[in-house]
N, C-alpha and C. Protein backbone atom coordinates (compact mmCIF):
# COMPACT_ATOMS: atom_id res chain seq x y z
N MET A 1 -14.89 -1.80 -35.66
CA MET A 1 -15.17 -3.44 -35.14
C MET A 1 -15.13 -3.10 -33.58
N ILE A 2 -14.28 -2.62 -33.11
CA ILE A 2 -13.99 -2.61 -31.74
C ILE A 2 -15.44 -1.62 -31.12
N SER A 3 -15.64 -0.72 -31.85
CA SER A 3 -16.70 0.10 -31.33
C SER A 3 -18.09 -0.74 -31.26
N ASN A 4 -18.28 -1.58 -32.00
CA ASN A 4 -19.41 -2.58 -32.29
C ASN A 4 -19.35 -3.56 -30.81
N ILE A 5 -18.23 -4.03 -30.50
CA ILE A 5 -18.20 -4.96 -29.34
C ILE A 5 -18.48 -4.39 -28.18
N ILE A 6 -17.62 -2.90 -28.16
CA ILE A 6 -17.76 -2.16 -26.59
C ILE A 6 -18.31 -0.59 -27.21
N PRO A 7 -19.54 -0.78 -27.62
CA PRO A 7 -20.32 0.57 -28.07
C PRO A 7 -20.28 1.77 -26.96
N HIS A 8 -20.19 1.54 -25.40
CA HIS A 8 -20.51 2.25 -24.56
C HIS A 8 -19.24 2.97 -23.83
N VAL A 9 -18.07 2.36 -24.35
CA VAL A 9 -16.78 2.65 -23.79
C VAL A 9 -16.55 4.09 -24.56
N LYS A 10 -16.34 5.16 -23.64
CA LYS A 10 -15.78 6.50 -24.00
C LYS A 10 -14.12 6.54 -23.39
N TRP A 11 -13.29 6.26 -24.52
CA TRP A 11 -11.97 6.11 -24.34
C TRP A 11 -11.32 7.42 -23.57
N GLU A 12 -11.65 8.52 -23.73
CA GLU A 12 -11.29 9.64 -22.95
C GLU A 12 -11.33 9.48 -21.59
N LYS A 13 -12.66 8.86 -21.15
CA LYS A 13 -13.11 8.76 -19.93
C LYS A 13 -12.12 7.63 -19.16
N VAL A 14 -11.94 6.51 -20.21
CA VAL A 14 -11.12 5.34 -19.75
C VAL A 14 -9.56 5.97 -19.36
N ILE A 15 -9.15 6.54 -20.29
CA ILE A 15 -7.69 7.14 -19.98
C ILE A 15 -7.56 7.86 -18.81
N ASP A 16 -8.43 8.86 -18.74
CA ASP A 16 -8.51 9.87 -17.42
C ASP A 16 -8.58 8.93 -16.27
N ALA A 17 -9.65 7.76 -16.36
CA ALA A 17 -9.74 6.94 -14.86
C ALA A 17 -8.44 6.26 -14.95
N THR A 18 -7.79 5.78 -15.88
CA THR A 18 -6.45 4.82 -15.58
C THR A 18 -5.47 5.74 -15.03
N ILE A 19 -5.46 7.07 -15.44
CA ILE A 19 -4.43 7.96 -14.72
C ILE A 19 -4.64 8.20 -13.51
N GLU A 20 -5.98 8.40 -13.00
CA GLU A 20 -6.37 8.61 -11.48
C GLU A 20 -6.11 7.23 -10.97
N THR A 21 -6.12 6.38 -11.47
CA THR A 21 -6.07 4.96 -10.63
C THR A 21 -4.51 4.76 -10.43
N LEU A 22 -3.67 5.05 -11.31
CA LEU A 22 -2.10 5.09 -11.42
C LEU A 22 -1.64 6.15 -10.40
N TYR A 23 -2.23 7.31 -10.26
CA TYR A 23 -1.74 8.43 -9.57
C TYR A 23 -2.10 7.86 -8.08
N MET A 24 -3.28 7.33 -7.65
CA MET A 24 -3.72 7.15 -6.52
C MET A 24 -2.74 5.81 -6.13
N THR A 25 -2.45 5.01 -6.91
CA THR A 25 -1.60 3.84 -6.27
C THR A 25 -0.29 4.37 -6.31
N ALA A 26 0.49 4.88 -7.03
CA ALA A 26 1.81 5.59 -7.13
C ALA A 26 1.85 6.36 -5.51
N VAL A 27 1.22 7.19 -5.47
CA VAL A 27 1.45 8.19 -4.20
C VAL A 27 1.08 7.40 -2.98
N SER A 28 0.15 6.39 -2.81
CA SER A 28 -0.10 5.82 -1.66
C SER A 28 0.66 4.48 -1.50
N VAL A 29 1.46 3.97 -2.39
CA VAL A 29 2.37 3.06 -2.32
C VAL A 29 3.58 3.62 -1.56
N LEU A 30 3.93 4.84 -2.35
CA LEU A 30 5.29 5.46 -1.71
C LEU A 30 4.97 6.08 -0.29
N ALA A 31 3.93 6.43 0.14
CA ALA A 31 3.69 6.81 1.52
C ALA A 31 3.40 5.74 2.37
N THR A 32 2.95 4.46 1.90
CA THR A 32 2.73 3.57 2.58
C THR A 32 4.26 2.72 2.99
N PHE A 33 4.98 2.78 1.86
CA PHE A 33 6.44 2.23 1.90
C PHE A 33 6.91 3.02 3.16
N ILE A 34 6.87 4.43 3.33
CA ILE A 34 7.73 5.25 4.28
C ILE A 34 7.04 4.99 5.51
N PHE A 35 5.81 5.11 5.77
CA PHE A 35 5.16 5.02 7.10
C PHE A 35 5.10 3.79 7.42
N GLY A 36 5.15 2.61 6.56
CA GLY A 36 5.26 1.40 6.91
C GLY A 36 6.55 0.88 7.51
N VAL A 37 7.55 1.22 6.73
CA VAL A 37 8.82 1.05 7.20
C VAL A 37 9.26 1.44 8.57
N ILE A 38 8.77 2.97 8.77
CA ILE A 38 8.99 3.57 10.32
C ILE A 38 8.22 2.60 11.03
N LEU A 39 6.88 2.36 10.99
CA LEU A 39 6.26 1.65 11.99
C LEU A 39 6.68 0.09 12.17
N GLY A 40 7.29 -0.43 11.33
CA GLY A 40 7.55 -1.98 11.29
C GLY A 40 8.89 -1.77 12.01
N LEU A 41 9.92 -0.88 11.89
CA LEU A 41 11.12 -0.60 12.61
C LEU A 41 10.71 -0.36 14.18
N LEU A 42 9.91 0.54 14.29
CA LEU A 42 9.52 0.78 15.76
C LEU A 42 8.89 -0.53 16.47
N LEU A 43 8.00 -1.22 15.67
CA LEU A 43 7.71 -2.68 16.36
C LEU A 43 8.74 -3.35 16.68
N PHE A 44 9.60 -3.54 15.98
CA PHE A 44 10.69 -4.45 15.75
C PHE A 44 11.62 -4.00 17.05
N LEU A 45 11.96 -2.66 17.03
CA LEU A 45 13.16 -2.25 17.88
C LEU A 45 12.70 -2.25 19.27
N THR A 46 11.55 -1.89 19.35
CA THR A 46 10.62 -1.81 20.75
C THR A 46 10.45 -3.03 21.40
N SER A 47 10.44 -4.03 20.71
CA SER A 47 10.11 -5.47 21.21
C SER A 47 10.94 -5.97 22.04
N LYS A 48 10.69 -7.03 22.77
CA LYS A 48 11.66 -7.55 23.71
C LYS A 48 12.99 -7.95 23.36
N GLY A 49 13.91 -7.81 23.85
CA GLY A 49 15.27 -8.16 23.61
C GLY A 49 16.02 -7.20 22.48
N ASN A 50 15.39 -6.13 21.87
CA ASN A 50 15.95 -5.54 20.79
C ASN A 50 16.35 -4.10 21.35
N LEU A 51 16.90 -3.25 20.33
CA LEU A 51 17.78 -2.22 20.79
C LEU A 51 17.07 -1.09 21.65
N LEU A 52 15.63 -0.90 21.39
CA LEU A 52 14.99 0.24 21.94
C LEU A 52 13.80 -0.41 22.86
N GLU A 53 14.16 -1.58 23.31
CA GLU A 53 12.99 -2.35 24.02
C GLU A 53 12.27 -1.52 24.97
N ASN A 54 10.86 -1.39 24.76
CA ASN A 54 9.98 -0.54 25.67
C ASN A 54 8.64 -1.14 25.49
N ALA A 55 8.12 -1.80 26.52
CA ALA A 55 6.96 -2.81 26.47
C ALA A 55 5.73 -1.83 25.98
N SER A 56 5.93 -0.52 26.85
CA SER A 56 4.71 0.50 26.90
C SER A 56 4.50 0.92 25.21
N ILE A 57 5.69 1.42 24.76
CA ILE A 57 5.58 2.06 23.52
C ILE A 57 5.19 0.99 22.50
N HIS A 58 5.82 -0.13 22.58
CA HIS A 58 5.57 -1.41 21.60
C HIS A 58 3.91 -1.69 21.74
N ARG A 59 3.49 -1.68 22.84
CA ARG A 59 1.97 -2.05 23.01
C ARG A 59 1.30 -1.08 22.28
N ILE A 60 1.46 0.28 22.55
CA ILE A 60 0.87 1.46 22.00
C ILE A 60 0.71 1.20 20.20
N ILE A 61 2.06 1.01 19.94
CA ILE A 61 2.21 1.27 18.19
C ILE A 61 1.61 -0.28 17.63
N ALA A 62 1.65 -1.52 18.45
CA ALA A 62 1.09 -2.69 17.89
C ALA A 62 -0.48 -2.53 17.93
N SER A 63 -0.95 -1.83 18.91
CA SER A 63 -2.56 -1.64 19.01
C SER A 63 -3.15 -0.73 17.82
N PHE A 64 -2.15 0.30 17.60
CA PHE A 64 -2.50 1.29 16.46
C PHE A 64 -2.64 0.28 15.13
N VAL A 65 -1.55 -0.39 15.04
CA VAL A 65 -1.41 -1.30 13.71
C VAL A 65 -2.52 -2.34 13.63
N ASN A 66 -2.72 -2.95 14.75
CA ASN A 66 -3.75 -4.12 14.85
C ASN A 66 -5.18 -3.36 14.71
N ILE A 67 -5.52 -2.17 15.23
CA ILE A 67 -6.83 -1.66 14.91
C ILE A 67 -6.94 -1.31 13.55
N PHE A 68 -6.30 -0.66 12.98
CA PHE A 68 -6.25 0.01 11.57
C PHE A 68 -6.27 -1.08 10.59
N ARG A 69 -5.59 -1.94 10.76
CA ARG A 69 -5.17 -3.22 9.92
C ARG A 69 -6.52 -4.16 9.99
N SER A 70 -7.20 -4.12 10.77
CA SER A 70 -8.50 -4.84 11.15
C SER A 70 -9.80 -4.23 10.47
N ILE A 71 -9.72 -2.87 10.24
CA ILE A 71 -10.98 -2.35 9.73
C ILE A 71 -11.18 -2.39 8.30
N PRO A 72 -12.45 -2.98 7.86
CA PRO A 72 -12.65 -3.24 6.49
C PRO A 72 -12.32 -1.71 5.74
N PHE A 73 -11.84 -1.83 4.56
CA PHE A 73 -11.35 -0.44 4.00
C PHE A 73 -12.61 0.36 3.66
N ILE A 74 -13.62 -0.28 3.21
CA ILE A 74 -14.81 0.64 2.97
C ILE A 74 -15.46 1.18 4.07
N ILE A 75 -15.24 0.84 5.18
CA ILE A 75 -15.62 1.33 6.47
C ILE A 75 -14.82 2.45 6.99
N LEU A 76 -13.27 2.25 6.71
CA LEU A 76 -12.45 3.02 6.99
C LEU A 76 -12.74 4.52 6.21
N ILE A 77 -12.80 4.54 4.98
CA ILE A 77 -13.02 5.54 4.08
C ILE A 77 -14.20 6.40 4.84
N ILE A 78 -15.33 5.90 5.11
CA ILE A 78 -16.50 6.47 5.97
C ILE A 78 -16.15 7.10 7.40
N LEU A 79 -15.22 6.39 8.02
CA LEU A 79 -14.66 6.89 9.42
C LEU A 79 -13.79 8.06 9.20
N LEU A 80 -13.00 7.99 8.15
CA LEU A 80 -12.15 9.38 8.06
C LEU A 80 -12.64 10.37 7.09
N ILE A 81 -13.84 10.21 6.85
CA ILE A 81 -14.51 11.48 6.15
C ILE A 81 -14.29 12.71 6.86
N PRO A 82 -14.27 13.14 8.18
CA PRO A 82 -13.97 14.21 8.76
C PRO A 82 -12.45 14.55 8.55
N LEU A 83 -11.63 13.82 8.51
CA LEU A 83 -10.20 14.01 8.57
C LEU A 83 -9.83 14.28 6.99
N THR A 84 -10.47 13.61 6.18
CA THR A 84 -10.28 13.86 4.64
C THR A 84 -10.63 15.13 4.40
N LYS A 85 -11.89 15.72 4.86
CA LYS A 85 -12.22 17.21 4.48
C LYS A 85 -11.32 18.02 4.98
N ILE A 86 -10.76 17.80 6.19
CA ILE A 86 -9.79 18.67 6.82
C ILE A 86 -8.70 18.81 5.92
N LEU A 87 -8.12 17.52 5.61
CA LEU A 87 -6.86 17.49 4.59
C LEU A 87 -6.87 17.94 3.45
N VAL A 88 -8.10 17.54 2.60
CA VAL A 88 -8.07 17.88 1.27
C VAL A 88 -9.22 18.63 0.88
N GLY A 89 -10.19 18.88 1.91
CA GLY A 89 -11.32 19.87 1.48
C GLY A 89 -12.57 19.13 0.94
N THR A 90 -12.52 18.00 0.40
CA THR A 90 -13.58 17.41 -0.19
C THR A 90 -13.37 15.97 0.02
N MET A 91 -14.56 15.37 -0.37
CA MET A 91 -14.51 13.71 -0.23
C MET A 91 -14.55 13.16 -1.94
N LEU A 92 -14.52 14.00 -2.76
CA LEU A 92 -14.75 13.59 -4.23
C LEU A 92 -13.17 13.73 -4.83
N GLY A 93 -12.84 12.95 -5.72
CA GLY A 93 -11.67 12.94 -6.47
C GLY A 93 -10.54 12.03 -6.15
N ALA A 94 -9.34 11.95 -6.74
CA ALA A 94 -8.40 11.09 -6.24
C ALA A 94 -7.64 11.50 -5.17
N ASN A 95 -7.48 12.67 -4.87
CA ASN A 95 -6.69 13.22 -3.70
C ASN A 95 -7.46 12.88 -2.37
N ALA A 96 -8.76 12.89 -2.36
CA ALA A 96 -9.70 12.46 -1.34
C ALA A 96 -9.55 11.04 -0.77
N ALA A 97 -9.04 10.29 -1.71
CA ALA A 97 -8.87 8.59 -1.25
C ALA A 97 -7.43 8.53 -0.74
N LEU A 98 -6.56 9.47 -0.88
CA LEU A 98 -5.16 9.19 -0.24
C LEU A 98 -5.12 9.09 1.09
N PRO A 99 -5.83 9.72 2.11
CA PRO A 99 -5.72 9.59 3.54
C PRO A 99 -6.27 8.01 3.83
N ALA A 100 -7.26 7.78 3.20
CA ALA A 100 -7.84 6.33 3.69
C ALA A 100 -6.92 5.12 2.92
N LEU A 101 -6.52 5.56 2.02
CA LEU A 101 -5.57 4.40 1.33
C LEU A 101 -4.02 4.29 2.15
N ILE A 102 -3.59 5.50 2.32
CA ILE A 102 -2.38 5.19 3.34
C ILE A 102 -2.52 4.69 4.74
N ILE A 103 -3.78 5.19 5.37
CA ILE A 103 -3.91 4.67 6.48
C ILE A 103 -4.33 3.34 6.94
N GLY A 104 -5.08 2.92 5.62
CA GLY A 104 -5.59 1.41 5.51
C GLY A 104 -4.45 0.66 5.33
N ALA A 105 -3.28 1.14 4.55
CA ALA A 105 -2.14 0.21 3.89
C ALA A 105 -1.07 0.23 4.51
N ALA A 106 -0.72 1.22 5.21
CA ALA A 106 0.52 1.15 6.16
C ALA A 106 0.43 0.22 7.40
N PRO A 107 -0.38 0.27 8.02
CA PRO A 107 -0.25 -0.66 9.12
C PRO A 107 -0.12 -2.29 8.81
N PHE A 108 -0.92 -2.50 7.59
CA PHE A 108 -0.83 -4.02 6.92
C PHE A 108 0.55 -3.94 6.62
N TYR A 109 1.31 -3.35 5.93
CA TYR A 109 2.62 -3.30 5.54
C TYR A 109 3.71 -3.26 6.69
N ALA A 110 3.31 -2.48 7.69
CA ALA A 110 4.25 -2.47 8.99
C ALA A 110 4.44 -3.76 9.26
N ARG A 111 3.48 -4.59 9.60
CA ARG A 111 3.40 -6.19 10.08
C ARG A 111 4.44 -6.95 9.20
N MET A 112 4.51 -6.84 7.73
CA MET A 112 5.20 -7.38 6.94
C MET A 112 6.74 -6.92 6.97
N VAL A 113 7.05 -5.73 7.37
CA VAL A 113 8.24 -5.10 7.70
C VAL A 113 8.73 -5.83 9.11
N GLU A 114 7.74 -5.76 10.12
CA GLU A 114 8.31 -6.38 11.40
C GLU A 114 8.62 -7.89 11.15
N LEU A 115 7.91 -8.57 10.24
CA LEU A 115 8.40 -9.81 10.12
C LEU A 115 9.60 -10.12 9.32
N ALA A 116 9.88 -9.23 8.36
CA ALA A 116 10.96 -9.24 7.58
C ALA A 116 12.16 -9.26 8.39
N LEU A 117 12.35 -8.26 9.51
CA LEU A 117 13.13 -7.67 10.37
C LEU A 117 13.28 -9.01 11.54
N ARG A 118 12.38 -9.69 11.88
CA ARG A 118 12.62 -10.63 12.73
C ARG A 118 13.21 -11.88 12.04
N GLU A 119 13.28 -12.11 10.82
CA GLU A 119 13.87 -13.20 10.08
C GLU A 119 15.38 -12.83 10.10
N ILE A 120 15.85 -11.74 10.34
CA ILE A 120 17.18 -11.57 10.26
C ILE A 120 18.06 -12.11 11.33
N ASP A 121 19.23 -12.78 10.87
CA ASP A 121 20.00 -13.31 11.95
C ASP A 121 20.44 -12.29 13.17
N LYS A 122 20.27 -12.68 14.45
CA LYS A 122 20.66 -11.87 15.53
C LYS A 122 22.14 -11.76 15.50
N GLY A 123 22.71 -12.76 15.16
CA GLY A 123 24.22 -12.75 15.11
C GLY A 123 24.72 -11.47 14.24
N VAL A 124 24.27 -11.24 13.17
CA VAL A 124 24.39 -10.28 12.33
C VAL A 124 24.50 -8.77 12.98
N ILE A 125 23.34 -8.71 13.90
CA ILE A 125 23.25 -7.32 14.37
C ILE A 125 24.54 -7.25 15.84
N GLU A 126 24.34 -8.37 16.35
CA GLU A 126 25.35 -8.51 17.36
C GLU A 126 26.73 -8.20 17.17
N ALA A 127 27.22 -8.77 15.88
CA ALA A 127 28.55 -8.67 15.30
C ALA A 127 28.59 -7.35 14.92
N SER A 128 27.63 -6.58 14.25
CA SER A 128 27.70 -4.99 14.14
C SER A 128 27.94 -4.28 15.19
N LEU A 129 27.23 -4.48 16.29
CA LEU A 129 27.31 -3.75 17.69
C LEU A 129 28.82 -3.87 17.87
N ALA A 130 29.25 -5.29 18.13
CA ALA A 130 30.58 -5.41 18.62
C ALA A 130 31.76 -4.71 17.82
N MET A 131 31.55 -4.35 16.58
CA MET A 131 32.44 -3.74 15.99
C MET A 131 32.25 -2.21 16.19
N GLY A 132 31.30 -1.74 16.66
CA GLY A 132 31.26 -0.38 16.98
C GLY A 132 30.16 0.32 16.12
N ALA A 133 29.27 -0.48 15.46
CA ALA A 133 28.19 0.38 14.70
C ALA A 133 27.31 1.29 15.48
N SER A 134 26.98 2.10 14.97
CA SER A 134 26.14 3.23 15.67
C SER A 134 24.65 2.72 15.30
N PHE A 135 23.83 3.22 16.15
CA PHE A 135 22.38 3.01 16.03
C PHE A 135 21.89 3.25 14.57
N LYS A 136 22.23 4.32 13.96
CA LYS A 136 21.99 4.67 12.46
C LYS A 136 22.61 3.72 11.68
N ASP A 137 23.70 3.11 11.87
CA ASP A 137 24.39 2.23 10.91
C ASP A 137 23.74 0.95 10.93
N ILE A 138 23.15 0.51 12.16
CA ILE A 138 22.42 -0.81 12.37
C ILE A 138 21.20 -0.70 11.62
N ILE A 139 20.49 0.36 11.53
CA ILE A 139 19.25 0.48 10.78
C ILE A 139 19.46 0.55 9.03
N PHE A 140 20.49 1.46 8.89
CA PHE A 140 20.48 1.78 7.32
C PHE A 140 21.43 0.94 6.72
N LYS A 141 22.45 0.25 7.42
CA LYS A 141 23.56 -0.51 6.79
C LYS A 141 23.41 -2.05 7.26
N VAL A 142 22.46 -2.59 8.22
CA VAL A 142 22.37 -3.94 8.60
C VAL A 142 20.73 -4.05 8.38
N LEU A 143 19.88 -3.82 9.22
CA LEU A 143 18.52 -4.17 9.31
C LEU A 143 17.77 -3.88 7.89
N LEU A 144 17.86 -2.65 7.32
CA LEU A 144 17.13 -2.44 6.10
C LEU A 144 17.63 -3.17 4.81
N PRO A 145 19.11 -3.13 4.73
CA PRO A 145 19.78 -3.99 3.45
C PRO A 145 19.46 -5.40 3.72
N GLU A 146 19.69 -6.02 4.75
CA GLU A 146 19.33 -7.50 5.06
C GLU A 146 17.78 -7.70 4.74
N ALA A 147 16.98 -6.96 5.06
CA ALA A 147 15.32 -7.36 4.97
C ALA A 147 14.77 -6.70 3.60
N MET A 148 15.99 -6.12 2.70
CA MET A 148 14.95 -5.72 1.63
C MET A 148 14.63 -6.46 0.54
N PRO A 149 14.80 -7.43 0.46
CA PRO A 149 14.04 -8.46 -0.62
C PRO A 149 12.68 -8.81 -0.05
N ALA A 150 12.64 -9.04 1.06
CA ALA A 150 11.41 -9.19 1.93
C ALA A 150 10.21 -7.90 1.85
N LEU A 151 11.06 -6.70 2.03
CA LEU A 151 10.46 -5.51 1.98
C LEU A 151 9.89 -5.10 0.75
N VAL A 152 10.74 -5.36 -0.50
CA VAL A 152 9.96 -5.28 -1.76
C VAL A 152 8.81 -6.28 -2.03
N SER A 153 9.33 -7.48 -1.71
CA SER A 153 8.11 -8.61 -1.73
C SER A 153 6.87 -8.06 -1.23
N GLY A 154 7.03 -7.49 -0.13
CA GLY A 154 5.76 -7.11 1.00
C GLY A 154 5.08 -5.94 0.15
N ILE A 155 5.91 -4.85 -0.08
CA ILE A 155 5.36 -3.76 -0.82
C ILE A 155 4.76 -4.07 -2.21
N THR A 156 5.06 -4.98 -2.76
CA THR A 156 4.41 -5.54 -4.13
C THR A 156 3.06 -6.01 -3.77
N VAL A 157 2.98 -6.76 -2.77
CA VAL A 157 1.64 -7.47 -2.26
C VAL A 157 0.69 -6.32 -1.85
N THR A 158 1.44 -5.37 -1.25
CA THR A 158 0.53 -4.04 -0.60
C THR A 158 0.25 -3.22 -1.82
N ALA A 159 0.99 -3.07 -2.92
CA ALA A 159 0.58 -2.30 -3.83
C ALA A 159 -0.51 -2.91 -4.64
N ILE A 160 -0.47 -4.25 -4.79
CA ILE A 160 -1.63 -4.74 -5.46
C ILE A 160 -2.99 -4.83 -4.62
N ALA A 161 -2.70 -4.77 -3.33
CA ALA A 161 -4.14 -4.70 -2.40
C ALA A 161 -4.57 -2.96 -2.60
N LEU A 162 -3.63 -2.15 -2.69
CA LEU A 162 -3.91 -0.88 -2.94
C LEU A 162 -4.75 -0.55 -4.25
N VAL A 163 -4.40 -1.27 -5.49
CA VAL A 163 -5.16 -1.32 -6.68
C VAL A 163 -6.66 -1.35 -6.37
N GLY A 164 -6.82 -2.80 -5.19
CA GLY A 164 -8.06 -3.02 -5.09
C GLY A 164 -8.92 -2.01 -4.21
N TYR A 165 -8.17 -1.21 -3.35
CA TYR A 165 -8.60 -0.46 -2.67
C TYR A 165 -9.17 0.90 -3.31
N THR A 166 -8.38 1.15 -4.35
CA THR A 166 -8.55 2.35 -5.12
C THR A 166 -10.06 2.23 -5.90
N ALA A 167 -10.30 0.76 -6.44
CA ALA A 167 -11.61 0.61 -6.88
C ALA A 167 -12.55 0.83 -5.98
N MET A 168 -12.55 0.46 -4.69
CA MET A 168 -13.56 0.44 -3.72
C MET A 168 -13.68 1.89 -3.57
N ALA A 169 -12.54 2.59 -3.45
CA ALA A 169 -12.79 4.13 -3.10
C ALA A 169 -13.53 4.77 -4.36
N GLY A 170 -13.29 4.12 -5.39
CA GLY A 170 -14.00 4.84 -6.72
C GLY A 170 -15.68 4.75 -6.46
N VAL A 171 -16.06 3.81 -5.81
CA VAL A 171 -17.53 3.59 -5.54
C VAL A 171 -18.07 4.80 -4.98
N VAL A 172 -17.10 5.28 -3.98
CA VAL A 172 -17.83 6.57 -3.21
C VAL A 172 -17.35 7.86 -3.63
N GLY A 173 -16.96 7.89 -4.87
CA GLY A 173 -16.65 9.04 -5.57
C GLY A 173 -15.21 9.44 -5.95
N ALA A 174 -14.38 8.59 -5.47
CA ALA A 174 -12.66 8.90 -5.42
C ALA A 174 -12.12 8.98 -6.81
N GLY A 175 -13.07 8.65 -7.86
CA GLY A 175 -12.37 8.55 -9.18
C GLY A 175 -11.77 7.26 -9.40
N GLY A 176 -11.02 7.37 -10.52
CA GLY A 176 -10.19 6.04 -11.21
C GLY A 176 -11.22 5.24 -11.87
N LEU A 177 -10.60 3.85 -12.07
CA LEU A 177 -11.15 2.88 -12.79
C LEU A 177 -12.45 2.10 -12.18
N GLY A 178 -12.40 2.21 -10.58
CA GLY A 178 -13.50 1.90 -9.93
C GLY A 178 -14.64 2.71 -9.82
N ASN A 179 -14.44 3.91 -10.05
CA ASN A 179 -15.51 5.05 -10.21
C ASN A 179 -16.02 4.78 -11.57
N LEU A 180 -15.38 4.42 -12.73
CA LEU A 180 -15.75 4.34 -13.95
C LEU A 180 -16.74 3.20 -14.05
N ALA A 181 -16.00 2.17 -13.38
CA ALA A 181 -16.90 0.71 -13.71
C ALA A 181 -18.28 0.81 -12.88
N TYR A 182 -18.36 1.70 -11.76
CA TYR A 182 -19.51 1.82 -10.97
C TYR A 182 -20.61 2.59 -11.51
N LEU A 183 -19.99 3.86 -11.87
CA LEU A 183 -21.04 4.89 -12.66
C LEU A 183 -21.40 4.75 -14.07
N GLU A 184 -20.31 4.66 -14.73
CA GLU A 184 -20.60 4.46 -16.29
C GLU A 184 -20.94 2.97 -16.64
N GLY A 185 -20.50 1.95 -15.50
CA GLY A 185 -20.89 0.73 -15.97
C GLY A 185 -21.97 0.11 -15.53
N PHE A 186 -21.67 -0.08 -14.14
CA PHE A 186 -23.03 -0.85 -13.29
C PHE A 186 -24.18 -0.16 -13.34
N GLN A 187 -24.09 1.17 -12.89
CA GLN A 187 -25.47 1.89 -12.74
C GLN A 187 -26.17 2.29 -14.18
N ARG A 188 -25.43 1.97 -15.03
CA ARG A 188 -26.16 2.28 -16.40
C ARG A 188 -26.39 1.05 -17.32
N SER A 189 -25.78 -0.22 -16.39
CA SER A 189 -26.00 -1.37 -17.04
C SER A 189 -25.16 -1.55 -18.25
N HIS A 190 -24.12 -0.82 -18.30
CA HIS A 190 -23.31 -0.90 -19.62
C HIS A 190 -22.15 -1.80 -19.13
N ASN A 191 -22.15 -3.29 -19.33
CA ASN A 191 -21.29 -4.10 -19.08
C ASN A 191 -19.89 -3.95 -19.65
N ASP A 192 -20.01 -3.64 -20.84
CA ASP A 192 -18.70 -3.43 -21.58
C ASP A 192 -17.83 -2.63 -20.95
N VAL A 193 -18.37 -1.43 -20.53
CA VAL A 193 -17.60 -0.49 -19.56
C VAL A 193 -16.98 -1.14 -18.46
N THR A 194 -17.47 -1.83 -17.76
CA THR A 194 -17.34 -2.66 -16.41
C THR A 194 -16.11 -3.56 -16.80
N ILE A 195 -16.37 -4.25 -17.83
CA ILE A 195 -15.30 -5.27 -18.43
C ILE A 195 -14.19 -4.68 -18.69
N VAL A 196 -14.25 -3.46 -19.51
CA VAL A 196 -12.77 -2.80 -19.79
C VAL A 196 -12.09 -2.20 -18.79
N ALA A 197 -12.89 -1.76 -17.57
CA ALA A 197 -12.32 -1.28 -16.57
C ALA A 197 -11.59 -2.24 -15.56
N THR A 198 -12.34 -3.45 -15.56
CA THR A 198 -11.74 -4.64 -14.96
C THR A 198 -10.45 -5.04 -15.69
N ILE A 199 -10.24 -5.34 -16.70
CA ILE A 199 -9.24 -5.89 -17.55
C ILE A 199 -7.98 -4.79 -17.34
N LEU A 200 -8.31 -3.47 -17.30
CA LEU A 200 -7.28 -2.63 -17.07
C LEU A 200 -6.72 -2.72 -15.61
N ILE A 201 -7.66 -2.85 -14.65
CA ILE A 201 -7.17 -3.16 -13.31
C ILE A 201 -6.28 -4.34 -13.19
N LEU A 202 -6.79 -5.42 -13.86
CA LEU A 202 -5.91 -6.56 -13.73
C LEU A 202 -4.65 -6.68 -14.41
N PHE A 203 -4.60 -5.52 -15.67
CA PHE A 203 -3.29 -5.28 -16.27
C PHE A 203 -2.34 -4.67 -15.20
N ILE A 204 -2.94 -3.52 -14.71
CA ILE A 204 -2.04 -2.94 -13.75
C ILE A 204 -1.46 -3.81 -12.44
N VAL A 205 -2.34 -4.74 -12.07
CA VAL A 205 -1.93 -5.68 -11.20
C VAL A 205 -0.86 -6.54 -11.46
N PHE A 206 -0.86 -7.32 -12.83
CA PHE A 206 -0.03 -8.01 -13.49
C PHE A 206 1.48 -7.16 -13.37
N ILE A 207 1.33 -5.95 -13.98
CA ILE A 207 2.51 -5.21 -14.10
C ILE A 207 3.24 -4.99 -12.70
N ILE A 208 2.40 -4.69 -11.82
CA ILE A 208 3.18 -4.52 -10.47
C ILE A 208 3.75 -5.75 -9.93
N GLN A 209 3.02 -6.97 -10.20
CA GLN A 209 3.80 -8.12 -9.79
C GLN A 209 4.83 -8.46 -10.63
N PHE A 210 4.99 -8.21 -11.86
CA PHE A 210 6.11 -8.49 -12.68
C PHE A 210 7.18 -7.78 -12.06
N ILE A 211 7.05 -6.28 -12.02
CA ILE A 211 8.15 -5.47 -11.48
C ILE A 211 8.65 -6.13 -9.97
N GLY A 212 7.75 -6.15 -9.21
CA GLY A 212 8.06 -6.37 -7.90
C GLY A 212 8.94 -7.69 -7.84
N ASP A 213 8.46 -8.85 -8.66
CA ASP A 213 9.18 -10.24 -8.75
C ASP A 213 10.64 -10.01 -9.38
N LYS A 214 10.94 -9.10 -10.38
CA LYS A 214 11.98 -8.74 -10.93
C LYS A 214 13.04 -8.03 -9.84
N VAL A 215 12.44 -7.11 -9.33
CA VAL A 215 13.30 -6.32 -8.35
C VAL A 215 13.69 -7.07 -7.18
N THR A 216 12.72 -8.01 -6.75
CA THR A 216 13.18 -8.85 -5.68
C THR A 216 14.17 -9.85 -5.91
N LEU A 217 14.09 -10.51 -7.13
CA LEU A 217 15.10 -11.63 -7.69
C LEU A 217 16.39 -10.85 -7.74
N LYS A 218 16.48 -9.48 -8.13
CA LYS A 218 17.88 -8.79 -8.42
C LYS A 218 18.43 -8.30 -7.16
N ILE A 219 17.55 -8.06 -6.22
CA ILE A 219 18.54 -7.66 -4.79
C ILE A 219 18.69 -8.88 -3.82
N ASP A 220 17.86 -10.21 -4.23
CA ASP A 220 18.06 -11.20 -3.12
C ASP A 220 19.36 -11.89 -3.43
N LYS A 221 20.38 -11.85 -2.53
CA LYS A 221 21.61 -12.29 -2.88
C LYS A 221 21.62 -13.56 -2.24
N ARG A 222 20.61 -14.18 -1.59
CA ARG A 222 21.04 -15.55 -1.04
C ARG A 222 20.85 -16.69 -2.03
C-alpha cells in the first residue's frame, strides 16, 4: 500500500541519508557549542567594564563573528572549499560539510552566548569577586551556570538552523537528507522522495525543539 503511494522511495537510501544528517548535526552542534561559548565568553569578558577589558581584542573578535555570521551559508561552503580539502581531503560526504557548518554556526551562537552573559546581574559577579573567587571560578561557577538556561535555549535554535544548513550542504554533495531530496527527488522529478526527506527533516527539528525546551525548563530555576 505504502509502496504505491511513494513508489520511488528506497528506504535503504533514506535510512543512510537520515544517519548522515543526524551525524552532521550532532558533530556540528557539539563543536558549535564549544567554540560558540569560547567566542561568546571572549566577547563578553573583553568588552567595556568586564574582567578582561581590551578594546583591540574585543574589536578583532567582534569583527570575526560579524563577518562569518553575515555570510550566506551556501556562499560560505564555496569560500571554504580550499580549507575543506585541506582538512578532509574531499568536498563530498558528510565530513566535508563539517568545517562550513561549524564556522557558519559558531559565530551565530557566540552572539547568543554574549547576550546571555550580559543578562547576568553584575552584582552577582561583584559579590563573587568580593568573596575571593578566582577567574576560573567566575567563569565556571558564576557566568556559565547563571547563563545556562539561555545557553541551552540558544543552542536549540542553532541546532535547528544547522539541520537546515545540512540540507543546503547536501545540494553540493555533502550527503544527508538534503542530498537525497535534491538528487533522488528534485533532479529525477520524484516528488515522493522529496516529500519523505522533508518530513524526516521536520521530524528531526521537532525532536530537537522538544528536547531543548524540556532541558531549558528543567535547569531554569527562576
